[in-house]
Amino acid sequence: MEKIYVGKGKTIATKFGEFQSINIELDVLLKNCHTAKNGKKYVDLDVSKMKQEDNYGNDLKVVLRQKEQEPKTATSQMPDRDDLPF
């Protein structure tokens, strides 16, 4: 499964300690959100360090965490037909 990159970020040092500031591409998130059992929409993200800082000082990457698709079973591929003899 191909990774879907949705943003980047920077680690910023302040007098109160380090924090991570990230920018997210909202259009990509909206296309990939899922609805949970409670009816609310969620997006699962993974944030990790980049191997090398880019030209804009970003040292973090944000990737959409995708769920593995379950393989289809033979029974789910059969059409629903009332005229089958069994």
Protein backbone atom coordinates (compact mmCIF):
# COMPACT_ATOMS: atom_id res chain seq x y z
CA MET A 1 0.00 0.00 0.00
CA GLU A 2 1.41 3.37 -1.03
CA LYS A 3 1.92 5.98 1.69
CA ILE A 4 -0.21 9.11 1.50
CA TYR A 5 1.74 12.14 2.73
CA VAL A 6 -0.59 14.78 4.15
CA GLY A 7 1.77 17.34 5.65
CA LYS A 8 5.07 18.33 7.19
CA GLY A 9 6.20 20.00 10.36
CA LYS A 10 9.00 21.45 12.42
CA THR A 11 10.37 20.79 15.85
CA ILE A 12 10.49 24.17 17.59
CA ALA A 13 12.48 24.96 20.74
CA THR A 14 10.97 27.53 23.09
CA LYS A 15 11.72 28.65 26.64
CA PHE A 16 8.98 26.22 27.72
CA GLY A 17 10.54 23.26 25.90
CA GLU A 18 10.29 21.62 22.48
CA PHE A 19 7.07 21.15 20.56
CA GLN A 20 6.09 20.01 17.09
CA SER A 21 4.25 22.35 14.76
CA ILE A 22 2.65 20.62 11.76
CA ASN A 23 0.78 21.74 8.64
CA ILE A 24 -1.85 19.42 7.18
CA GLU A 25 -3.34 19.38 3.68
CA LEU A 26 -7.03 19.38 4.57
CA ASP A 27 -8.36 18.23 1.16
CA VAL A 28 -6.43 14.95 1.46
CA LEU A 29 -7.72 14.39 4.99
CA LEU A 30 -11.34 14.95 4.03
CA LYS A 31 -11.06 12.36 1.24
CA ASN A 32 -9.63 9.77 3.64
CA CYS A 33 -11.64 10.14 6.84
CA HIS A 34 -13.59 7.21 8.21
CA THR A 35 -16.70 7.03 10.33
CA ALA A 36 -16.44 5.19 13.63
CA LYS A 37 -19.18 3.23 15.37
CA ASN A 38 -20.08 6.35 17.35
CA GLY A 39 -20.91 8.17 14.08
CA LYS A 40 -18.01 10.63 14.36
CA LYS A 41 -15.46 11.08 11.56
CA TYR A 42 -11.78 10.37 12.24
CA VAL A 43 -8.45 10.46 10.43
CA ASP A 44 -5.51 8.40 11.71
CA LEU A 45 -2.11 10.04 11.27
CA ASP A 46 1.49 9.03 11.93
CA VAL A 47 4.09 11.73 12.57
CA SER A 48 7.78 10.82 12.28
CA LYS A 49 11.18 12.44 11.88
CA MET A 50 12.46 12.99 8.34
CA LYS A 51 15.90 11.63 7.46
CA GLN A 52 16.99 15.12 6.50
CA GLU A 53 15.51 18.58 7.05
CA ASP A 54 14.05 20.13 3.88
CA ASN A 55 14.69 23.63 2.46
CA TYR A 56 11.94 25.11 4.65
CA GLY A 57 13.25 23.76 7.96
CA ASN A 58 10.72 20.93 8.15
CA ASP A 59 12.05 17.90 10.00
CA LEU A 60 8.77 15.99 10.44
CA LYS A 61 6.52 14.15 8.00
CA VAL A 62 2.83 13.39 8.46
CA VAL A 63 1.45 10.26 6.83
CA LEU A 64 -2.10 8.94 6.68
CA ARG A 65 -2.40 5.61 8.50
CA GLN A 66 -4.38 3.34 6.22
CA LYS A 67 -6.21 0.25 7.33
CA GLU A 68 -5.34 -2.98 5.56
CA GLN A 69 -8.14 -4.01 3.25
CA GLU A 70 -9.61 -7.39 4.01
CA PRO A 71 -9.36 -9.87 1.13
CA LYS A 72 -12.65 -10.76 -0.46
CA THR A 73 -13.88 -14.28 0.14
CA ALA A 74 -15.35 -16.51 -2.54
CA THR A 75 -18.82 -16.23 -0.99
CA SER A 76 -18.73 -12.43 -1.06
CA GLN A 77 -17.94 -12.47 -4.78
CA MET A 78 -20.99 -14.59 -5.69
CA PRO A 79 -24.01 -12.64 -6.91
CA ASP A 80 -27.21 -12.77 -4.87
CA ARG A 81 -29.64 -14.69 -7.02
CA ASP A 82 -32.95 -16.22 -6.09
CA ASP A 83 -32.95 -18.61 -9.07
CA LEU A 84 -30.04 -20.77 -7.87
CA PRO A 85 -31.00 -24.43 -7.29
CA PHE A 86 -29.51 -24.52 -3.77
